[in-house]
């Protein structure tokens, strides 16, 4: 591999403040910060006692309706019946 062309890959904490949920993972980051590219401005002390860069996200698995089970199911059969009532049904192919 060529040297000095790959982004830095290291530990980072992603935090969903709306759900009070955070997880530690590894990532390549692109942020303009005085510490250099790949380093966000905010840091957080994790449960292991180490300090990691933190990225705040708007939606995570803890707040997304699909993962939390709060997603609504749309009645598709009702839509089909409404379409047939409005435009009629020939009952067969032409």
Protein backbone atom coordinates (compact mmCIF):
# COMPACT_ATOMS: atom_id res chain seq x y z
CA UNK A 1 0.00 0.00 0.00
CA UNK A 2 1.09 3.56 -0.59
CA UNK A 3 2.12 5.53 2.46
CA UNK A 4 0.43 8.74 3.66
CA UNK A 5 -2.67 8.49 1.45
CA UNK A 6 -5.02 6.56 3.74
CA UNK A 7 -7.20 8.25 6.36
CA UNK A 8 -6.48 7.67 10.00
CA UNK A 9 -8.47 4.76 11.49
CA UNK A 10 -9.01 4.71 15.22
CA UNK A 11 -11.44 4.52 18.12
CA UNK A 12 -14.32 6.99 18.26
CA UNK A 13 -17.55 7.30 20.28
CA UNK A 14 -20.81 7.91 18.42
CA UNK A 15 -23.39 9.55 20.70
CA UNK A 16 -27.15 9.92 20.17
CA UNK A 17 -28.14 12.64 22.61
CA UNK A 18 -31.88 12.33 21.95
CA UNK A 19 -31.86 8.74 23.23
CA UNK A 20 -28.97 9.08 25.72
CA UNK A 21 -27.12 6.29 23.90
CA UNK A 22 -23.45 6.01 22.95
CA UNK A 23 -21.21 3.30 21.56
CA UNK A 24 -17.49 2.94 21.02
CA UNK A 25 -16.24 1.75 17.65
CA UNK A 26 -13.44 2.37 15.17
CA UNK A 27 -13.86 4.76 12.26
CA UNK A 28 -12.19 7.04 9.77
CA UNK A 29 -13.27 10.62 10.37
CA UNK A 30 -13.04 13.71 8.23
CA UNK A 31 -13.20 16.81 10.36
CA UNK A 32 -11.30 20.06 10.23
CA UNK A 33 -9.89 20.51 13.68
CA UNK A 34 -6.67 22.08 14.96
CA UNK A 35 -5.54 18.57 15.93
CA UNK A 36 -5.47 17.66 12.25
CA UNK A 37 -7.83 15.93 9.86
CA UNK A 38 -9.63 12.94 11.29
CA UNK A 39 -9.90 14.35 14.82
CA UNK A 40 -13.20 15.86 15.98
CA UNK A 41 -13.20 18.83 18.34
CA UNK A 42 -15.14 17.12 21.16
CA UNK A 43 -13.88 14.34 23.40
CA UNK A 44 -15.52 12.15 26.01
CA UNK A 45 -14.23 10.00 28.84
CA UNK A 46 -15.46 6.45 28.28
CA UNK A 47 -16.25 3.83 30.91
CA UNK A 48 -12.78 2.30 30.58
CA UNK A 49 -11.23 5.57 31.76
CA UNK A 50 -9.74 6.55 28.39
CA UNK A 51 -10.63 9.72 26.49
CA UNK A 52 -11.96 9.29 22.94
CA UNK A 53 -13.17 11.68 20.23
CA UNK A 54 -16.97 11.88 20.09
CA UNK A 55 -19.33 12.39 17.14
CA UNK A 56 -22.91 13.47 17.87
CA UNK A 57 -25.51 11.84 15.59
CA UNK A 58 -29.19 12.67 15.17
CA UNK A 59 -30.49 9.11 14.74
CA UNK A 60 -29.12 5.80 15.96
CA UNK A 61 -30.53 2.32 16.55
CA UNK A 62 -31.77 3.56 19.93
CA UNK A 63 -33.94 6.32 18.46
CA UNK A 64 -34.89 5.12 14.96
CA UNK A 65 -38.58 4.07 14.73
CA UNK A 66 -37.75 0.86 12.83
CA UNK A 67 -35.43 -0.44 15.54
CA UNK A 68 -37.47 0.79 18.51
CA UNK A 69 -40.71 -0.80 17.28
CA UNK A 70 -42.63 2.47 17.08
CA UNK A 71 -42.94 2.39 13.29
CA UNK A 72 -46.49 2.47 11.98
CA UNK A 73 -47.75 -0.21 9.61
CA UNK A 74 -49.61 1.16 6.61
CA UNK A 75 -52.80 -0.63 5.57
CA UNK A 76 -51.92 -1.52 1.97
CA UNK A 77 -54.99 -3.73 1.45
CA UNK A 78 -57.21 -0.74 2.20
CA UNK A 79 -55.37 1.28 -0.42
CA UNK A 80 -55.93 -1.39 -3.06
CA UNK A 81 -59.66 -1.55 -2.30
CA UNK A 82 -59.93 2.22 -2.42
CA UNK A 83 -58.22 2.22 -5.83
CA UNK A 84 -60.58 -0.47 -7.14
CA UNK A 85 -63.65 1.42 -5.90
CA UNK A 86 -62.47 4.64 -7.48
CA UNK A 87 -61.33 3.34 -10.86
CA UNK A 88 -63.24 0.08 -11.07
CA UNK A 89 -61.99 -3.41 -11.57
CA UNK A 90 -62.42 -5.32 -14.82
CA UNK A 91 -61.91 -8.61 -13.06
CA UNK A 92 -59.72 -10.01 -15.80
CA UNK A 93 -57.09 -9.22 -18.38
CA UNK A 94 -57.78 -7.62 -21.72
